[in-house]
Amino acid sequence: MSLLDTLASMAGGGQQGGSASLLPALIEQLNKYPGGLSGLIASFQKGGLSEIVASWVGTGQNMPVSADQLGSVLDPGVVNELAAKTGQDTDSVLGSLSSLLPQLVDQATPNGEVQGGQQFNPAELLASLSGIFGNRAG
């Protein structure tokens, strides 16, 4: 778990404090998500957000997603568990996820495609997200 702790501490350097505590729990939950990354994407497609999630997987610009949209497609059990693990309320969790999730999915699919049953690799995410969180000093 120390790698995830390192990732979280990197995230904690700026205004992403709530996201910092959420990040390790989010990666853990996504790896337990039924079907892995493919299952998560399928949830968005079933919920009418195909275009948004496709932009995260694809190689172009990531489309934004609102907390309300996330609340409509994510399993409430996942959101509640994230809230319990981080000490945040579900609205705060969804708000943080609206910025974190597009980046995580984007980084997990660098070639614009999803591998079947793909898991989120904490080591790869640490390397790819270091620029997102590591350069927040200002």
Protein backbone atom coordinates (compact mmCIF):
# COMPACT_ATOMS: atom_id res chain seq x y z
CA MET A 1 0.00 0.00 0.00
CA SER A 2 3.00 2.33 0.32
CA LEU A 3 2.95 3.07 -3.41
CA LEU A 4 -0.63 4.27 -3.13
CA ASP A 5 0.32 6.32 -0.08
CA THR A 6 3.09 7.93 -2.12
CA LEU A 7 0.63 8.74 -4.87
CA ALA A 8 -1.74 10.25 -2.33
CA SER A 9 0.98 12.35 -0.74
CA MET A 10 1.91 13.72 -4.17
CA ALA A 11 -1.69 14.69 -4.69
CA GLY A 12 -1.84 16.45 -1.34
CA GLY A 13 0.58 19.19 -2.32
CA GLY A 14 -1.98 21.61 -3.74
CA GLN A 15 -5.65 22.34 -3.76
CA GLN A 16 -6.41 18.67 -4.36
CA GLY A 17 -6.37 17.80 -0.63
CA GLY A 18 -9.70 15.97 -0.75
CA SER A 19 -8.57 14.16 -3.86
CA ALA A 20 -5.39 13.07 -2.11
CA SER A 21 -7.21 10.96 0.43
CA LEU A 22 -9.60 9.73 -2.24
CA LEU A 23 -7.02 8.57 -4.77
CA PRO A 24 -5.76 5.36 -3.09
CA ALA A 25 -9.30 4.33 -2.16
CA LEU A 26 -10.49 5.10 -5.70
CA ILE A 27 -7.81 2.94 -7.32
CA GLU A 28 -8.66 0.12 -4.91
CA GLN A 29 -12.39 0.40 -5.68
CA LEU A 30 -11.82 0.56 -9.43
CA ASN A 31 -9.72 -2.59 -9.30
CA LYS A 32 -12.60 -4.33 -7.48
CA TYR A 33 -15.21 -2.93 -9.90
CA PRO A 34 -17.06 -5.80 -11.66
CA GLY A 35 -15.31 -6.21 -15.00
CA GLY A 36 -12.49 -3.84 -14.06
CA LEU A 37 -12.00 -0.87 -16.33
CA SER A 38 -14.23 -2.42 -19.00
CA GLY A 39 -17.04 -2.75 -16.44
CA LEU A 40 -16.66 0.87 -15.40
CA ILE A 41 -16.85 2.01 -19.01
CA ALA A 42 -19.90 -0.19 -19.57
CA SER A 43 -21.62 1.55 -16.62
CA PHE A 44 -21.12 4.90 -18.34
CA GLN A 45 -22.38 3.55 -21.65
CA LYS A 46 -25.50 2.07 -20.04
CA GLY A 47 -26.09 5.37 -18.24
CA GLY A 48 -26.10 7.41 -21.44
CA LEU A 49 -22.59 8.84 -21.02
CA SER A 50 -20.94 6.93 -23.87
CA GLU A 51 -19.55 10.03 -25.54
CA ILE A 52 -17.98 11.31 -22.31
CA VAL A 53 -16.27 8.06 -21.34
CA ALA A 54 -15.16 7.49 -24.95
CA SER A 55 -13.34 10.84 -24.81
CA TRP A 56 -11.43 9.66 -21.72
CA VAL A 57 -10.40 6.41 -23.37
CA GLY A 58 -9.59 8.03 -26.71
CA THR A 59 -6.46 10.00 -27.42
CA GLY A 60 -8.13 13.42 -27.75
CA GLN A 61 -9.39 15.96 -25.23
CA ASN A 62 -11.24 14.59 -22.18
CA MET A 63 -14.84 15.78 -21.92
CA PRO A 64 -15.90 16.95 -18.45
CA VAL A 65 -18.35 15.04 -16.28
CA SER A 66 -20.45 16.49 -13.47
CA ALA A 67 -20.89 15.07 -10.00
CA ASP A 68 -24.59 14.52 -10.79
CA GLN A 69 -23.71 12.54 -13.93
CA LEU A 70 -21.28 10.38 -11.96
CA GLY A 71 -23.89 9.81 -9.28
CA SER A 72 -26.27 8.49 -11.92
CA VAL A 73 -23.87 5.91 -13.38
CA LEU A 74 -21.62 4.79 -10.53
CA ASP A 75 -22.72 2.04 -8.20
CA PRO A 76 -23.93 3.78 -4.99
CA GLY A 77 -22.09 1.15 -2.96
CA VAL A 78 -18.79 2.22 -4.51
CA VAL A 79 -19.44 5.90 -3.80
CA ASN A 80 -20.55 5.15 -0.22
CA GLU A 81 -17.46 3.03 0.42
CA LEU A 82 -15.21 5.78 -0.92
CA ALA A 83 -16.96 8.26 1.34
CA ALA A 84 -16.53 5.99 4.36
CA LYS A 85 -12.84 5.35 3.64
CA THR A 86 -12.01 9.02 3.17
CA GLY A 87 -14.29 10.59 5.78
CA GLN A 88 -15.96 12.74 3.11
CA ASP A 89 -19.64 12.98 2.31
CA THR A 90 -20.85 11.47 -0.95
CA ASP A 91 -21.28 14.87 -2.62
CA SER A 92 -17.63 15.71 -1.92
CA VAL A 93 -16.55 12.31 -3.23
CA LEU A 94 -18.53 12.77 -6.44
CA GLY A 95 -17.12 16.28 -6.85
CA SER A 96 -13.56 14.99 -6.53
CA LEU A 97 -14.29 12.07 -8.83
CA SER A 98 -15.51 14.45 -11.53
CA SER A 99 -11.91 15.67 -11.90
CA LEU A 100 -10.01 12.51 -10.95
CA LEU A 101 -11.87 9.83 -12.88
CA PRO A 102 -11.39 11.30 -16.38
CA GLN A 103 -7.65 11.57 -15.71
CA LEU A 104 -7.38 8.04 -14.30
CA VAL A 105 -9.26 6.45 -17.19
CA ASP A 106 -7.25 8.53 -19.66
CA GLN A 107 -3.95 7.46 -18.10
CA ALA A 108 -5.04 3.81 -17.89
CA THR A 109 -5.78 3.79 -21.64
CA PRO A 110 -2.77 5.57 -23.19
CA ASN A 111 -3.26 3.95 -26.59
CA GLY A 112 -6.95 4.77 -26.74
CA GLU A 113 -8.13 1.26 -26.05
CA VAL A 114 -9.14 -0.93 -23.12
CA GLN A 115 -7.64 -4.35 -22.56
CA GLY A 116 -10.17 -6.96 -21.40
CA GLY A 117 -10.34 -7.16 -17.59
CA GLN A 118 -7.71 -4.41 -17.32
CA GLN A 119 -6.83 -3.30 -13.83
CA PHE A 120 -5.49 0.06 -12.73
CA ASN A 121 -1.75 -0.37 -12.14
CA PRO A 122 -0.73 1.84 -9.20
CA ALA A 123 2.91 2.03 -10.35
CA GLU A 124 1.95 3.21 -13.82
CA LEU A 125 -0.57 5.68 -12.43
CA LEU A 126 2.06 7.05 -10.06
CA ALA A 127 4.35 7.78 -12.97
CA SER A 128 1.69 9.20 -15.27
CA LEU A 129 -0.10 11.31 -12.65
CA SER A 130 3.07 12.80 -11.18
CA GLY A 131 2.79 15.72 -13.59
CA ILE A 132 -0.82 16.35 -12.64
CA PHE A 133 -0.19 16.58 -8.91
CA GLY A 134 3.55 17.13 -8.66
CA ASN A 135 3.57 20.56 -10.27
CA ARG A 136 0.96 22.26 -8.07
CA ALA A 137 3.39 24.32 -6.03
CA GLY A 138 2.75 27.91 -6.80
